[in-house]
């Protein structure tokens, strides 16, 4: 994600999070759960407001979230404090990708890029 886009998300994190949180994704979330191993590890790339990560945590999954926007991560932490310990701010398309991935440790059977929810 380029710097201008990250800046946009940082500046508009409150309104964007409000929009994301008000979209009912329960059908898609439940459908995804049916394909995932029980209590598995999920790496959610582009976690946004944390809506989906919080759902998967409530379903017993161990979720690590990554988002390049500090503003979105702050809002996600406010809305879903259960995610705080597993949040990482970085863009997987940046020059700092290797540093980011060193922080994100674990074996992930599943990776969600959140594209389904937009």
Protein backbone atom coordinates (compact mmCIF):
# COMPACT_ATOMS: atom_id res chain seq x y z
CA UNK A 1 0.00 0.00 0.00
CA UNK A 2 1.45 3.37 -0.95
CA UNK A 3 2.05 6.19 1.54
CA UNK A 4 -0.84 8.35 0.25
CA UNK A 5 -3.31 5.52 0.78
CA UNK A 6 -1.97 4.80 4.25
CA UNK A 7 -2.28 8.51 5.10
CA UNK A 8 -5.90 8.45 3.88
CA UNK A 9 -6.73 5.51 6.14
CA UNK A 10 -4.92 7.12 9.08
CA UNK A 11 -6.81 10.40 8.62
CA UNK A 12 -10.22 8.74 8.14
CA UNK A 13 -9.88 5.78 10.49
CA UNK A 14 -12.93 6.69 12.58
CA UNK A 15 -15.37 7.04 9.68
CA UNK A 16 -13.95 4.07 7.77
CA UNK A 17 -14.13 1.87 10.87
CA UNK A 18 -17.73 2.93 11.48
CA UNK A 19 -18.62 1.89 7.93
CA UNK A 20 -16.81 -1.46 8.21
CA UNK A 21 -18.36 -2.26 11.58
CA UNK A 22 -21.87 -1.59 10.25
CA UNK A 23 -21.64 -4.06 7.39
CA UNK A 24 -23.15 -7.43 8.25
CA UNK A 25 -20.63 -10.01 7.12
CA UNK A 26 -21.95 -12.88 9.25
CA UNK A 27 -22.89 -15.03 6.27
CA UNK A 28 -19.41 -14.79 4.76
CA UNK A 29 -17.68 -15.16 8.13
CA UNK A 30 -19.63 -18.33 8.95
CA UNK A 31 -18.95 -19.68 5.48
CA UNK A 32 -15.21 -19.13 5.94
CA UNK A 33 -15.27 -20.85 9.34
CA UNK A 34 -16.65 -23.97 7.67
CA UNK A 35 -13.43 -24.22 5.60
CA UNK A 36 -10.95 -23.58 8.41
CA UNK A 37 -9.45 -26.09 10.85
CA UNK A 38 -10.95 -25.80 14.31
CA UNK A 39 -8.99 -23.43 16.61
CA UNK A 40 -6.46 -22.76 13.85
CA UNK A 41 -4.09 -19.84 13.44
CA UNK A 42 -5.15 -17.03 11.11
CA UNK A 43 -3.03 -14.20 9.77
CA UNK A 44 -5.35 -11.41 8.65
CA UNK A 45 -3.64 -9.01 6.29
CA UNK A 46 -5.40 -5.67 6.02
CA UNK A 47 -7.39 -6.06 9.21
CA UNK A 48 -9.02 -2.64 9.07
CA UNK A 49 -11.41 -2.09 11.96
CA UNK A 50 -10.77 -5.55 13.36
CA UNK A 51 -14.34 -6.66 12.71
CA UNK A 52 -13.45 -9.96 11.09
CA UNK A 53 -10.51 -10.73 13.35
CA UNK A 54 -12.72 -10.24 16.40
CA UNK A 55 -15.30 -12.60 14.94
CA UNK A 56 -12.68 -15.30 14.36
CA UNK A 57 -11.31 -14.85 17.89
CA UNK A 58 -14.85 -15.32 19.23
CA UNK A 59 -15.01 -18.56 17.24
CA UNK A 60 -11.89 -19.90 18.97
CA UNK A 61 -9.24 -19.03 16.38
CA UNK A 62 -5.85 -17.54 17.20
CA UNK A 63 -5.74 -14.42 15.02
CA UNK A 64 -2.80 -12.15 14.26
CA UNK A 65 -3.68 -8.90 12.48
CA UNK A 66 -1.52 -6.81 10.18
CA UNK A 67 -2.46 -3.42 8.79
CA UNK A 68 -0.29 -0.62 7.42
CA UNK A 69 -2.46 2.10 8.96
CA UNK A 70 -1.68 3.01 12.56
CA UNK A 71 -4.98 4.90 12.69
CA UNK A 72 -6.95 1.82 11.72
CA UNK A 73 -5.08 -0.31 14.24
CA UNK A 74 -5.78 2.24 17.00
CA UNK A 75 -9.47 2.17 16.14
CA UNK A 76 -9.45 -1.65 15.97
CA UNK A 77 -7.84 -1.77 19.43
CA UNK A 78 -10.50 0.57 20.77
CA UNK A 79 -13.35 -1.44 19.24
CA UNK A 80 -11.88 -4.89 19.88
CA UNK A 81 -9.40 -4.81 22.79
CA UNK A 82 -9.05 -8.60 22.63
CA UNK A 83 -6.94 -8.10 19.50
CA UNK A 84 -4.33 -5.78 21.04
CA UNK A 85 -1.71 -8.41 21.82
CA UNK A 86 -1.65 -9.66 18.23
CA UNK A 87 -1.53 -6.40 16.23
CA UNK A 88 1.26 -5.41 13.87
CA UNK A 89 1.49 -2.23 11.84
CA UNK A 90 3.25 -2.74 8.54
CA UNK A 91 2.65 -2.94 4.85
CA UNK A 92 3.57 -6.26 3.32
CA UNK A 93 4.39 -4.44 0.09
CA UNK A 94 6.88 -2.05 1.64
CA UNK A 95 10.66 -2.16 1.82
CA UNK A 96 10.23 -3.06 5.48
CA UNK A 97 8.38 -6.30 4.73
CA UNK A 98 11.12 -8.52 6.13
CA UNK A 99 11.15 -6.59 9.41
CA UNK A 100 7.39 -6.84 9.62
CA UNK A 101 7.36 -10.57 9.02
CA UNK A 102 9.97 -11.08 11.74
CA UNK A 103 7.50 -9.50 14.19
CA UNK A 104 4.67 -11.69 12.95
CA UNK A 105 5.76 -15.05 14.25
CA UNK A 106 3.82 -18.25 14.05
CA UNK A 107 2.66 -20.95 11.73
CA UNK A 108 -0.46 -19.92 9.88
CA UNK A 109 -2.59 -22.50 8.16
CA UNK A 110 -4.84 -19.70 6.96
CA UNK A 111 -4.33 -16.19 5.70
CA UNK A 112 -7.18 -13.79 5.03
CA UNK A 113 -6.52 -10.69 3.00
CA UNK A 114 -9.92 -9.19 3.79
CA UNK A 115 -10.71 -8.70 0.10
CA UNK A 116 -13.99 -10.55 0.53
CA UNK A 117 -15.39 -7.83 2.78
CA UNK A 118 -15.01 -4.78 0.57
